[in-house]
Structure formats: C-alpha cells, structure tokens
C-alpha cells in the first residue's frame, strides 16, 4: 500500500508586496503592487518545486489610481494545470498630477534647498 503525503502549500498571502511599478502622469512616480487574496493548494510532497508562477502586470499604468484597483494578475500552474490565481492590486491611491501639484512640489523643493 502506497501512501501519498499531501501538503498544503501557501502560494501567497494577501497584502504581500509583489513589486514596485512605475506610474505615468501621477503625483507619485511608482506604486507597490500587492496580492488581493491568499492563495494555496494541496500538492504532493516534493512537487512544490514544480509550481510555476506566471505574473501579468498591465502596461502603461497611468494615474489616477485608487487603492485596490486591479493592475494585473498572478497565476500558478503545476505541470500545466492551474492550481491558483489572484488579482494584483494597488496598495494605495495615486492622484493625477496637475499644475497646482507641480507648483506645490516646485516651491517645496525650492524651500528645502534654501534651508
């Protein structure tokens, strides 16, 4: 009798930062992308090395961006079979840059330079 040992593999945790990406036309120049949900699966012992992560992040992300806005998705496959998937979301809000924001930043930098 052969007994297969099965492990619960936690692939990712909700709120963990995947990476920092650049933003077009925003007050901030970059933003952290985080996992929306936890994702895990049951796999045989030793097969966790065969899990492949596929990350799709949208191109040309432009402001305004709201917290929780979908910016991509990540999926996990094991030997060609999907074992997990979740959305990638914005960690915080980013306002679109405007003339008033640019002037405020210019005066702030000028003031700090004179200190």
PDB file of N, CA and C in Angstrom:
ATOM      1  N   UNK A   1       0.849  -1.174   0.000  1.00  0.00           N
ATOM      2  CA  UNK A   1       0.000   0.000   0.000  1.00  0.00           C
ATOM      3  C   UNK A   1       0.896   1.238   0.000  1.00  0.00           C
ATOM      4  N   UNK A   2       0.698   2.124  -0.961  1.00  0.00           N
ATOM      5  CA  UNK A   2       1.474   3.346  -1.078  1.00  0.00           C
ATOM      6  C   UNK A   2       0.639   4.500  -0.546  1.00  0.00           C
ATOM      7  N   UNK A   3       1.230   5.260   0.342  1.00  0.00           N
ATOM      8  CA  UNK A   3       0.544   6.401   0.930  1.00  0.00           C
ATOM      9  C   UNK A   3       1.178   7.675   0.394  1.00  0.00           C
ATOM     10  N   UNK A   4       0.409   8.489  -0.289  1.00  0.00           N
ATOM     11  CA  UNK A   4       0.907   9.762  -0.814  1.00  0.00           C
ATOM     12  C   UNK A   4       0.749  10.821   0.265  1.00  0.00           C
ATOM     13  N   UNK A   5       1.822  11.502   0.546  1.00  0.00           N
ATOM     14  CA  UNK A   5       1.783  12.576   1.534  1.00  0.00           C
ATOM     15  C   UNK A   5       1.430  13.859   0.810  1.00  0.00           C
ATOM     16  N   UNK A   6       0.392  14.519   1.270  1.00  0.00           N
ATOM     17  CA  UNK A   6      -0.079  15.745   0.632  1.00  0.00           C
ATOM     18  C   UNK A   6       0.164  16.904   1.580  1.00  0.00           C
ATOM     19  N   UNK A   7       0.718  17.976   1.045  1.00  0.00           N
ATOM     20  CA  UNK A   7       0.992  19.170   1.818  1.00  0.00           C
ATOM     21  C   UNK A   7       0.080  20.300   1.384  1.00  0.00           C
ATOM     22  N   UNK A   8      -0.262  21.166   2.306  1.00  0.00           N
ATOM     23  CA  UNK A   8      -0.959  22.391   1.951  1.00  0.00           C
ATOM     24  C   UNK A   8       0.116  23.432   1.689  1.00  0.00           C
ATOM     25  N   UNK A   9       0.213  23.854   0.439  1.00  0.00           N
ATOM     26  CA  UNK A   9       1.226  24.826   0.060  1.00  0.00           C
ATOM     27  C   UNK A   9       0.580  26.202  -0.040  1.00  0.00           C
ATOM     28  N   UNK A  10       1.038  27.140   0.794  1.00  0.00           N
ATOM     29  CA  UNK A  10       0.542  28.506   0.744  1.00  0.00           C
ATOM     30  C   UNK A  10       1.361  29.249  -0.305  1.00  0.00           C
ATOM     31  N   UNK A  11       0.756  29.539  -1.445  1.00  0.00           N
ATOM     32  CA  UNK A  11       1.471  30.147  -2.554  1.00  0.00           C
ATOM     33  C   UNK A  11       1.733  31.630  -2.326  1.00  0.00           C
ATOM     34  N   UNK A  12       0.789  32.351  -1.736  1.00  0.00           N
ATOM     35  CA  UNK A  12       0.957  33.780  -1.492  1.00  0.00           C
ATOM     36  C   UNK A  12       0.016  34.225  -0.392  1.00  0.00           C
ATOM     37  N   UNK A  13       0.309  35.384   0.182  1.00  0.00           N
ATOM     38  CA  UNK A  13      -0.514  35.947   1.242  1.00  0.00           C
ATOM     39  C   UNK A  13      -1.091  37.279   0.813  1.00  0.00           C
ATOM     40  N   UNK A  14      -2.318  37.526   1.186  1.00  0.00           N
ATOM     41  CA  UNK A  14      -2.994  38.775   0.868  1.00  0.00           C
ATOM     42  C   UNK A  14      -2.218  39.958   1.458  1.00  0.00           C
ATOM     43  N   UNK A  15      -2.008  40.990   0.663  1.00  0.00           N
ATOM     44  CA  UNK A  15      -1.327  42.189   1.128  1.00  0.00           C
ATOM     45  C   UNK A  15       0.175  42.169   0.976  1.00  0.00           C
ATOM     46  N   UNK A  16       0.770  41.017   0.624  1.00  0.00           N
ATOM     47  CA  UNK A  16       2.218  40.961   0.394  1.00  0.00           C
ATOM     48  C   UNK A  16       2.561  41.742  -0.872  1.00  0.00           C
ATOM     49  N   UNK A  17       3.663  42.478  -0.836  1.00  0.00           N
ATOM     50  CA  UNK A  17       4.093  43.279  -1.980  1.00  0.00           C
ATOM     51  C   UNK A  17       4.794  42.379  -2.994  1.00  0.00           C
ATOM     52  N   UNK A  18       4.335  42.426  -4.238  1.00  0.00           N
ATOM     53  CA  UNK A  18       4.973  41.677  -5.312  1.00  0.00           C
ATOM     54  C   UNK A  18       6.130  42.483  -5.884  1.00  0.00           C
ATOM     55  N   UNK A  19       5.857  43.725  -6.267  1.00  0.00           N
ATOM     56  CA  UNK A  19       6.904  44.586  -6.801  1.00  0.00           C
ATOM     57  C   UNK A  19       6.425  46.022  -6.849  1.00  0.00           C
ATOM     58  N   UNK A  20       7.342  46.917  -7.150  1.00  0.00           N
ATOM     59  CA  UNK A  20       7.069  48.338  -7.294  1.00  0.00           C
ATOM     60  C   UNK A  20       7.109  48.654  -8.781  1.00  0.00           C
ATOM     61  N   UNK A  21       6.057  49.298  -9.303  1.00  0.00           N
ATOM     62  CA  UNK A  21       5.994  49.617 -10.733  1.00  0.00           C
ATOM     63  C   UNK A  21       5.873  51.122 -10.936  1.00  0.00           C
ATOM     64  N   UNK A  22       6.337  51.583 -12.087  1.00  0.00           N
ATOM     65  CA  UNK A  22       6.271  53.000 -12.439  1.00  0.00           C
ATOM     66  C   UNK A  22       4.868  53.384 -12.890  1.00  0.00           C
ATOM     67  N   UNK A  23       4.517  54.651 -12.635  1.00  0.00           N
ATOM     68  CA  UNK A  23       3.211  55.195 -12.990  1.00  0.00           C
ATOM     69  C   UNK A  23       3.415  56.397 -13.890  1.00  0.00           C
ATOM     70  N   UNK A  24       2.573  56.529 -14.895  1.00  0.00           N
ATOM     71  CA  UNK A  24       2.586  57.693 -15.778  1.00  0.00           C
ATOM     72  C   UNK A  24       1.623  58.748 -15.250  1.00  0.00           C
ATOM     73  N   UNK A  25       2.028  60.014 -15.316  1.00  0.00           N
ATOM     74  CA  UNK A  25       1.176  61.170 -15.018  1.00  0.00           C
ATOM     75  C   UNK A  25       0.628  61.174 -13.597  1.00  0.00           C
ATOM     76  N   UNK A  26       1.404  60.676 -12.641  1.00  0.00           N
ATOM     77  CA  UNK A  26       0.951  60.627 -11.261  1.00  0.00           C
ATOM     78  C   UNK A  26       1.769  61.529 -10.358  1.00  0.00           C
ATOM     79  N   UNK A  27       1.190  61.907  -9.220  1.00  0.00           N
ATOM     80  CA  UNK A  27       1.908  62.683  -8.210  1.00  0.00           C
ATOM     81  C   UNK A  27       3.095  61.870  -7.716  1.00  0.00           C
ATOM     82  N   UNK A  28       2.891  60.571  -7.520  1.00  0.00           N
ATOM     83  CA  UNK A  28       3.967  59.647  -7.184  1.00  0.00           C
ATOM     84  C   UNK A  28       4.478  59.029  -8.477  1.00  0.00           C
ATOM     85  N   UNK A  29       5.756  58.658  -8.502  1.00  0.00           N
ATOM     86  CA  UNK A  29       6.331  58.084  -9.711  1.00  0.00           C
ATOM     87  C   UNK A  29       6.191  56.566  -9.762  1.00  0.00           C
ATOM     88  N   UNK A  30       5.926  55.939  -8.606  1.00  0.00           N
ATOM     89  CA  UNK A  30       5.790  54.487  -8.579  1.00  0.00           C
ATOM     90  C   UNK A  30       4.812  54.086  -7.477  1.00  0.00           C
ATOM     91  N   UNK A  31       4.387  52.825  -7.550  1.00  0.00           N
ATOM     92  CA  UNK A  31       3.429  52.301  -6.576  1.00  0.00           C
ATOM     93  C   UNK A  31       3.725  50.823  -6.338  1.00  0.00           C
ATOM     94  N   UNK A  32       3.436  50.352  -5.127  1.00  0.00           N
ATOM     95  CA  UNK A  32       3.579  48.921  -4.821  1.00  0.00           C
ATOM     96  C   UNK A  32       2.354  48.167  -5.312  1.00  0.00           C
ATOM     97  N   UNK A  33       2.597  47.012  -5.912  1.00  0.00           N
ATOM     98  CA  UNK A  33       1.520  46.113  -6.317  1.00  0.00           C
ATOM     99  C   UNK A  33       1.493  44.968  -5.310  1.00  0.00           C
ATOM    100  N   UNK A  34       0.296  44.697  -4.771  1.00  0.00           N
ATOM    101  CA  UNK A  34       0.140  43.665  -3.745  1.00  0.00           C
ATOM    102  C   UNK A  34      -0.860  42.612  -4.201  1.00  0.00           C
ATOM    103  N   UNK A  35      -0.806  41.430  -3.556  1.00  0.00           N
ATOM    104  CA  UNK A  35      -1.753  40.353  -3.832  1.00  0.00           C
ATOM    105  C   UNK A  35      -3.096  40.686  -3.191  1.00  0.00           C
ATOM    106  N   UNK A  36      -4.186  40.452  -3.912  1.00  0.00           N
ATOM    107  CA  UNK A  36      -5.517  40.756  -3.384  1.00  0.00           C
ATOM    108  C   UNK A  36      -5.979  39.711  -2.368  1.00  0.00           C
ATOM    109  N   UNK A  37      -5.768  38.438  -2.660  1.00  0.00           N
ATOM    110  CA  UNK A  37      -6.261  37.349  -1.811  1.00  0.00           C
ATOM    111  C   UNK A  37      -5.146  36.373  -1.481  1.00  0.00           C
ATOM    112  N   UNK A  38      -5.368  35.578  -0.438  1.00  0.00           N
ATOM    113  CA  UNK A  38      -4.486  34.444  -0.166  1.00  0.00           C
ATOM    114  C   UNK A  38      -4.732  33.381  -1.225  1.00  0.00           C
ATOM    115  N   UNK A  39      -3.717  32.608  -1.519  1.00  0.00           N
ATOM    116  CA  UNK A  39      -3.880  31.517  -2.469  1.00  0.00           C
ATOM    117  C   UNK A  39      -3.051  30.341  -1.990  1.00  0.00           C
ATOM    118  N   UNK A  40      -3.653  29.181  -1.971  1.00  0.00           N
ATOM    119  CA  UNK A  40      -2.957  27.970  -1.547  1.00  0.00           C
ATOM    120  C   UNK A  40      -3.580  26.767  -2.220  1.00  0.00           C
ATOM    121  N   UNK A  41      -2.906  25.644  -2.148  1.00  0.00           N
ATOM    122  CA  UNK A  41      -3.400  24.438  -2.786  1.00  0.00           C
ATOM    123  C   UNK A  41      -2.822  23.206  -2.111  1.00  0.00           C
ATOM    124  N   UNK A  42      -3.430  22.068  -2.356  1.00  0.00           N
ATOM    125  CA  UNK A  42      -2.911  20.792  -1.876  1.00  0.00           C
ATOM    126  C   UNK A  42      -2.046  20.194  -2.978  1.00  0.00           C
ATOM    127  N   UNK A  43      -0.811  19.861  -2.634  1.00  0.00           N
ATOM    128  CA  UNK A  43       0.092  19.233  -3.604  1.00  0.00           C
ATOM    129  C   UNK A  43       0.842  18.095  -2.929  1.00  0.00           C
ATOM    130  N   UNK A  44       1.341  17.177  -3.730  1.00  0.00           N
ATOM    131  CA  UNK A  44       2.115  16.064  -3.197  1.00  0.00           C
ATOM    132  C   UNK A  44       3.461  16.568  -2.690  1.00  0.00           C
ATOM    133  N   UNK A  45       3.971  15.903  -1.690  1.00  0.00           N
ATOM    134  CA  UNK A  45       5.253  16.261  -1.103  1.00  0.00           C
ATOM    135  C   UNK A  45       6.338  16.218  -2.183  1.00  0.00           C
ATOM    136  N   UNK A  46       7.126  17.282  -2.264  1.00  0.00           N
ATOM    137  CA  UNK A  46       8.220  17.376  -3.228  1.00  0.00           C
ATOM    138  C   UNK A  46       7.834  18.017  -4.548  1.00  0.00           C
ATOM    139  N   UNK A  47       6.536  18.190  -4.811  1.00  0.00           N
ATOM    140  CA  UNK A  47       6.106  18.789  -6.068  1.00  0.00           C
ATOM    141  C   UNK A  47       6.052  20.308  -6.002  1.00  0.00           C
ATOM    142  N   UNK A  48       6.318  20.884  -4.828  1.00  0.00           N
ATOM    143  CA  UNK A  48       6.287  22.343  -4.710  1.00  0.00           C
ATOM    144  C   UNK A  48       7.369  22.997  -5.566  1.00  0.00           C
ATOM    145  N   UNK A  49       8.389  22.249  -5.940  1.00  0.00           N
ATOM    146  CA  UNK A  49       9.452  22.784  -6.802  1.00  0.00           C
ATOM    147  C   UNK A  49       8.983  22.925  -8.244  1.00  0.00           C
ATOM    148  N   UNK A  50       7.913  22.228  -8.616  1.00  0.00           N
ATOM    149  CA  UNK A  50       7.400  22.252  -9.982  1.00  0.00           C
ATOM    150  C   UNK A  50       6.311  23.308 -10.198  1.00  0.00           C
ATOM    151  N   UNK A  51       5.980  24.059  -9.149  1.00  0.00           N
ATOM    152  CA  UNK A  51       4.956  25.094  -9.273  1.00  0.00           C
ATOM    153  C   UNK A  51       5.566  26.290 -10.007  1.00  0.00           C
ATOM    154  N   UNK A  52       4.883  26.721 -11.063  1.00  0.00           N
ATOM    155  CA  UNK A  52       5.360  27.845 -11.883  1.00  0.00           C
ATOM    156  C   UNK A  52       4.478  29.066 -11.648  1.00  0.00           C
ATOM    157  N   UNK A  53       5.110  30.214 -11.437  1.00  0.00           N
ATOM    158  CA  UNK A  53       4.391  31.469 -11.211  1.00  0.00           C
ATOM    159  C   UNK A  53       4.370  32.268 -12.513  1.00  0.00           C
ATOM    160  N   UNK A  54       3.179  32.686 -12.931  1.00  0.00           N
ATOM    161  CA  UNK A  54       3.020  33.492 -14.141  1.00  0.00           C
ATOM    162  C   UNK A  54       2.410  34.829 -13.727  1.00  0.00           C
ATOM    163  N   UNK A  55       3.183  35.925 -13.911  1.00  0.00           N
ATOM    164  CA  UNK A  55       2.768  37.260 -13.497  1.00  0.00           C
ATOM    165  C   UNK A  55       2.450  38.096 -14.729  1.00  0.00           C
ATOM    166  N   UNK A  56       1.248  38.686 -14.760  1.00  0.00           N
ATOM    167  CA  UNK A  56       0.841  39.605 -15.823  1.00  0.00           C
ATOM    168  C   UNK A  56       0.494  40.945 -15.194  1.00  0.00           C
ATOM    169  N   UNK A  57       1.305  41.960 -15.485  1.00  0.00           N
ATOM    170  CA  UNK A  57       1.061  43.316 -14.996  1.00  0.00           C
ATOM    171  C   UNK A  57       0.727  44.181 -16.198  1.00  0.00           C
ATOM    172  N   UNK A  58      -0.311  45.009 -16.059  1.00  0.00           N
ATOM    173  CA  UNK A  58      -0.734  45.856 -17.163  1.00  0.00           C
ATOM    174  C   UNK A  58       0.390  46.791 -17.592  1.00  0.00           C
ATOM    175  N   UNK A  59       0.452  47.090 -18.882  1.00  0.00           N
ATOM    176  CA  UNK A  59       1.411  48.049 -19.424  1.00  0.00           C
ATOM    177  C   UNK A  59       0.858  49.460 -19.284  1.00  0.00           C
ATOM    178  N   UNK A  60       1.761  50.432 -19.214  1.00  0.00           N
ATOM    179  CA  UNK A  60       1.396  51.857 -19.202  1.00  0.00           C
ATOM    180  C   UNK A  60       0.329  52.187 -18.165  1.00  0.00           C
ATOM    181  N   UNK A  61       0.638  51.955 -16.910  1.00  0.00           N
ATOM    182  CA  UNK A  61      -0.275  52.275 -15.813  1.00  0.00           C
ATOM    183  C   UNK A  61      -0.235  53.785 -15.600  1.00  0.00           C
ATOM    184  N   UNK A  62      -1.397  54.430 -15.687  1.00  0.00           N
ATOM    185  CA  UNK A  62      -1.486  55.885 -15.571  1.00  0.00           C
ATOM    186  C   UNK A  62      -2.386  56.272 -14.411  1.00  0.00           C
ATOM    187  N   UNK A  63      -2.052  57.416 -13.782  1.00  0.00           N
ATOM    188  CA  UNK A  63      -2.851  57.961 -12.693  1.00  0.00           C
ATOM    189  C   UNK A  63      -4.100  58.603 -13.288  1.00  0.00           C
ATOM    190  N   UNK A  64      -5.165  58.744 -12.552  1.00  0.00           N
ATOM    191  CA  UNK A  64      -5.335  58.434 -11.136  1.00  0.00           C
ATOM    192  C   UNK A  64      -5.552  56.938 -10.899  1.00  0.00           C
ATOM    193  N   UNK A  65      -5.064  56.488  -9.749  1.00  0.00           N
ATOM    194  CA  UNK A  65      -5.204  55.092  -9.337  1.00  0.00           C
ATOM    195  C   UNK A  65      -5.802  55.081  -7.937  1.00  0.00           C
ATOM    196  N   UNK A  66      -6.797  54.238  -7.747  1.00  0.00           N
ATOM    197  CA  UNK A  66      -7.399  54.136  -6.417  1.00  0.00           C
ATOM    198  C   UNK A  66      -6.913  52.869  -5.719  1.00  0.00           C
ATOM    199  N   UNK A  67      -6.890  52.921  -4.406  1.00  0.00           N
ATOM    200  CA  UNK A  67      -6.456  51.773  -3.611  1.00  0.00           C
ATOM    201  C   UNK A  67      -7.356  50.586  -3.926  1.00  0.00           C
ATOM    202  N   UNK A  68      -6.744  49.438  -4.216  1.00  0.00           N
ATOM    203  CA  UNK A  68      -7.495  48.240  -4.527  1.00  0.00           C
ATOM    204  C   UNK A  68      -7.814  48.069  -6.007  1.00  0.00           C
ATOM    205  N   UNK A  69      -7.395  49.021  -6.839  1.00  0.00           N
ATOM    206  CA  UNK A  69      -7.637  48.919  -8.283  1.00  0.00           C
ATOM    207  C   UNK A  69      -6.802  47.789  -8.867  1.00  0.00           C
ATOM    208  N   UNK A  70      -7.395  46.987  -9.742  1.00  0.00           N
ATOM    209  CA  UNK A  70      -6.698  45.856 -10.355  1.00  0.00           C
ATOM    210  C   UNK A  70      -5.661  46.365 -11.347  1.00  0.00           C
ATOM    211  N   UNK A  71      -4.398  45.906 -11.168  1.00  0.00           N
ATOM    212  CA  UNK A  71      -3.302  46.299 -12.041  1.00  0.00           C
ATOM    213  C   UNK A  71      -2.666  45.102 -12.738  1.00  0.00           C
ATOM    214  N   UNK A  72      -3.214  43.917 -12.511  1.00  0.00           N
ATOM    215  CA  UNK A  72      -2.686  42.707 -13.140  1.00  0.00           C
ATOM    216  C   UNK A  72      -3.208  41.483 -12.427  1.00  0.00           C
ATOM    217  N   UNK A  73      -2.583  40.342 -12.716  1.00  0.00           N
ATOM    218  CA  UNK A  73      -2.954  39.101 -12.057  1.00  0.00           C
ATOM    219  C   UNK A  73      -1.765  38.160 -12.027  1.00  0.00           C
ATOM    220  N   UNK A  74      -1.813  37.227 -11.091  1.00  0.00           N
ATOM    221  CA  UNK A  74      -0.775  36.210 -10.978  1.00  0.00           C
ATOM    222  C   UNK A  74      -1.469  34.854 -10.919  1.00  0.00           C
ATOM    223  N   UNK A  75      -0.905  33.880 -11.636  1.00  0.00           N
ATOM    224  CA  UNK A  75      -1.468  32.537 -11.608  1.00  0.00           C
ATOM    225  C   UNK A  75      -0.344  31.535 -11.383  1.00  0.00           C
ATOM    226  N   UNK A  76      -0.702  30.401 -10.821  1.00  0.00           N
ATOM    227  CA  UNK A  76       0.247  29.335 -10.527  1.00  0.00           C
ATOM    228  C   UNK A  76      -0.190  28.071 -11.244  1.00  0.00           C
ATOM    229  N   UNK A  77       0.777  27.393 -11.858  1.00  0.00           N
ATOM    230  CA  UNK A  77       0.488  26.137 -12.543  1.00  0.00           C
ATOM    231  C   UNK A  77       1.422  25.048 -12.022  1.00  0.00           C
ATOM    232  N   UNK A  78       0.916  23.838 -12.032  1.00  0.00           N
ATOM    233  CA  UNK A  78       1.696  22.657 -11.653  1.00  0.00           C
ATOM    234  C   UNK A  78       1.539  21.646 -12.779  1.00  0.00           C
ATOM    235  N   UNK A  79       2.631  21.419 -13.502  1.00  0.00           N
ATOM    236  CA  UNK A  79       2.633  20.504 -14.650  1.00  0.00           C
ATOM    237  C   UNK A  79       1.536  20.849 -15.661  1.00  0.00           C
ATOM    238  N   UNK A  80       1.363  22.160 -15.921  1.00  0.00           N
ATOM    239  CA  UNK A  80       0.393  22.614 -16.917  1.00  0.00           C
ATOM    240  C   UNK A  80      -1.019  22.783 -16.411  1.00  0.00           C
ATOM    241  N   UNK A  81      -1.274  22.436 -15.160  1.00  0.00           N
ATOM    242  CA  UNK A  81      -2.605  22.552 -14.575  1.00  0.00           C
ATOM    243  C   UNK A  81      -2.642  23.744 -13.630  1.00  0.00           C
ATOM    244  N   UNK A  82      -3.638  24.594 -13.785  1.00  0.00           N
ATOM    245  CA  UNK A  82      -3.778  25.763 -12.914  1.00  0.00           C
ATOM    246  C   UNK A  82      -4.106  25.324 -11.491  1.00  0.00           C
ATOM    247  N   UNK A  83      -3.321  25.851 -10.514  1.00  0.00           N
ATOM    248  CA  UNK A  83      -3.551  25.490  -9.111  1.00  0.00           C
ATOM    249  C   UNK A  83      -3.880  26.699  -8.243  1.00  0.00           C
ATOM    250  N   UNK A  84      -3.796  27.909  -8.806  1.00  0.00           N
ATOM    251  CA  UNK A  84      -4.106  29.097  -8.038  1.00  0.00           C
ATOM    252  C   UNK A  84      -4.044  30.342  -8.887  1.00  0.00           C
ATOM    253  N   UNK A  85      -4.868  31.343  -8.519  1.00  0.00           N
ATOM    254  CA  UNK A  85      -4.894  32.592  -9.274  1.00  0.00           C
ATOM    255  C   UNK A  85      -5.438  33.691  -8.383  1.00  0.00           C
ATOM    256  N   UNK A  86      -4.872  34.894  -8.486  1.00  0.00           N
ATOM    257  CA  UNK A  86      -5.393  36.041  -7.758  1.00  0.00           C
ATOM    258  C   UNK A  86      -5.034  37.314  -8.511  1.00  0.00           C
ATOM    259  N   UNK A  87      -5.764  38.376  -8.205  1.00  0.00           N
ATOM    260  CA  UNK A  87      -5.509  39.668  -8.830  1.00  0.00           C
ATOM    261  C   UNK A  87      -4.383  40.398  -8.111  1.00  0.00           C
ATOM    262  N   UNK A  88      -3.709  41.269  -8.851  1.00  0.00           N
ATOM    263  CA  UNK A  88      -2.709  42.174  -8.289  1.00  0.00           C
ATOM    264  C   UNK A  88      -3.354  43.543  -8.224  1.00  0.00           C
ATOM    265  N   UNK A  89      -3.291  44.177  -7.058  1.00  0.00           N
ATOM    266  CA  UNK A  89      -3.983  45.449  -6.858  1.00  0.00           C
ATOM    267  C   UNK A  89      -3.032  46.525  -6.356  1.00  0.00           C
ATOM    268  N   UNK A  90      -3.478  47.774  -6.467  1.00  0.00           N
ATOM    269  CA  UNK A  90      -2.705  48.921  -5.986  1.00  0.00           C
ATOM    270  C   UNK A  90      -2.758  48.979  -4.466  1.00  0.00           C
ATOM    271  N   UNK A  91      -1.598  49.265  -3.858  1.00  0.00           N
ATOM    272  CA  UNK A  91      -1.521  49.328  -2.393  1.00  0.00           C
ATOM    273  C   UNK A  91      -2.130  50.616  -1.844  1.00  0.00           C
ATOM    274  N   UNK A  92      -2.086  51.707  -2.622  1.00  0.00           N
ATOM    275  CA  UNK A  92      -2.593  52.991  -2.145  1.00  0.00           C
ATOM    276  C   UNK A  92      -3.098  53.828  -3.317  1.00  0.00           C
ATOM    277  N   UNK A  93      -3.715  54.959  -2.997  1.00  0.00           N
ATOM    278  CA  UNK A  93      -4.198  55.896  -4.005  1.00  0.00           C
ATOM    279  C   UNK A  93      -3.048  56.701  -4.583  1.00  0.00           C
ATOM    280  N   UNK A  94      -3.153  57.052  -5.862  1.00  0.00           N
ATOM    281  CA  UNK A  94      -2.206  57.972  -6.505  1.00  0.00           C
ATOM    282  C   UNK A  94      -3.022  58.949  -7.331  1.00  0.00           C
ATOM    283  N   UNK A  95      -2.877  60.243  -7.007  1.00  0.00           N
ATOM    284  CA  UNK A  95      -3.604  61.285  -7.735  1.00  0.00           C
ATOM    285  C   UNK A  95      -2.903  61.608  -9.043  1.00  0.00           C
ATOM    286  N   UNK A  96      -3.682  62.091  -9.985  1.00  0.00           N
ATOM    287  CA  UNK A  96      -3.116  62.538 -11.250  1.00  0.00           C
ATOM    288  C   UNK A  96      -2.437  63.882 -11.021  1.00  0.00           C
ATOM    289  N   UNK A  97      -1.278  64.074 -11.631  1.00  0.00           N
ATOM    290  CA  UNK A  97      -0.530  65.307 -11.443  1.00  0.00           C
ATOM    291  C   UNK A  97      -1.249  66.454 -12.154  1.00  0.00           C
ATOM    292  N   UNK A  98      -1.246  67.622 -11.521  1.00  0.00           N
ATOM    293  CA  UNK A  98      -1.877  68.802 -12.096  1.00  0.00           C
ATOM    294  C   UNK A  98      -0.925  69.982 -11.940  1.00  0.00           C
ATOM    295  N   UNK A  99      -1.296  71.114 -12.489  1.00  0.00           N
ATOM    296  CA  UNK A  99      -0.458  72.309 -12.405  1.00  0.00           C
ATOM    297  C   UNK A  99      -0.261  72.710 -10.946  1.00  0.00           C
ATOM    298  N   UNK A 100      -1.325  72.644 -10.145  1.00  0.00           N
ATOM    299  CA  UNK A 100      -1.197  73.028  -8.737  1.00  0.00           C
ATOM    300  C   UNK A 100      -0.268  72.075  -7.991  1.00  0.00           C
ATOM    301  N   UNK A 101      -0.342  70.771  -8.293  1.00  0.00           N
ATOM    302  CA  UNK A 101       0.565  69.801  -7.659  1.00  0.00           C
ATOM    303  C   UNK A 101       2.010  70.069  -8.041  1.00  0.00           C
ATOM    304  N   UNK A 102       2.244  70.394  -9.315  1.00  0.00           N
ATOM    305  CA  UNK A 102       3.603  70.662  -9.781  1.00  0.00           C
ATOM    306  C   UNK A 102       4.169  71.915  -9.116  1.00  0.00           C
ATOM    307  N   UNK A 103       3.353  72.987  -9.003  1.00  0.00           N
ATOM    308  CA  UNK A 103       3.811  74.215  -8.347  1.00  0.00           C
ATOM    309  C   UNK A 103       4.112  73.971  -6.872  1.00  0.00           C
ATOM    310  N   UNK A 104       3.257  73.215  -6.206  1.00  0.00           N
ATOM    311  CA  UNK A 104       3.475  72.886  -4.798  1.00  0.00           C
ATOM    312  C   UNK A 104       4.797  72.139  -4.615  1.00  0.00           C
ATOM    313  N   UNK A 105       5.055  71.176  -5.462  1.00  0.00           N
ATOM    314  CA  UNK A 105       6.291  70.400  -5.383  1.00  0.00           C
ATOM    315  C   UNK A 105       7.505  71.283  -5.681  1.00  0.00           C
ATOM    316  N   UNK A 106       7.380  72.181  -6.662  1.00  0.00           N
ATOM    317  CA  UNK A 106       8.464  73.089  -7.017  1.00  0.00           C
ATOM    318  C   UNK A 106       8.804  74.012  -5.854  1.00  0.00           C
ATOM    319  N   UNK A 107       7.791  74.623  -5.224  1.00  0.00           N
ATOM    320  CA  UNK A 107       8.034  75.504  -4.084  1.00  0.00           C
ATOM    321  C   UNK A 107       8.592  74.751  -2.887  1.00  0.00           C
ATOM    322  N   UNK A 108       8.112  73.544  -2.652  1.00  0.00           N
ATOM    323  CA  UNK A 108       8.619  72.738  -1.546  1.00  0.00           C
ATOM    324  C   UNK A 108      10.100  72.427  -1.753  1.00  0.00           C
ATOM    325  N   UNK A 109      10.466  72.005  -2.971  1.00  0.00           N
ATOM    326  CA  UNK A 109      11.874  71.710  -3.267  1.00  0.00           C
ATOM    327  C   UNK A 109      12.735  72.966  -3.171  1.00  0.00           C
ATOM    328  N   UNK A 110      12.210  74.092  -3.632  1.00  0.00           N
ATOM    329  CA  UNK A 110      12.951  75.351  -3.576  1.00  0.00           C
ATOM    330  C   UNK A 110      13.165  75.765  -2.119  1.00  0.00           C
ATOM    331  N   UNK A 111      12.124  75.643  -1.289  1.00  0.00           N
ATOM    332  CA  UNK A 111      12.219  75.979   0.119  1.00  0.00           C
ATOM    333  C   UNK A 111      13.241  75.086   0.827  1.00  0.00           C
ATOM    334  N   UNK A 112      13.226  73.785   0.547  1.00  0.00           N
ATOM    335  CA  UNK A 112      14.168  72.858   1.173  1.00  0.00           C
ATOM    336  C   UNK A 112      15.591  73.145   0.737  1.00  0.00           C
ATOM    337  N   UNK A 113      15.774  73.595  -0.478  1.00  0.00           N
ATOM    338  CA  UNK A 113      17.104  73.907  -0.983  1.00  0.00           C
ATOM    339  C   UNK A 113      17.683  75.135  -0.256  1.00  0.00           C
ATOM    340  N   UNK A 114      16.845  76.093   0.104  1.00  0.00           N
ATOM    341  CA  UNK A 114      17.305  77.317   0.770  1.00  0.00           C
ATOM    342  C   UNK A 114      17.528  77.130   2.262  1.00  0.00           C
ATOM    343  N   UNK A 115      17.080  76.075   2.827  1.00  0.00           N
ATOM    344  CA  UNK A 115      17.257  75.836   4.266  1.00  0.00           C
ATOM    345  C   UNK A 115      18.655  75.631   4.599  1.00  0.00           C
TER     346      UNK A 115
END
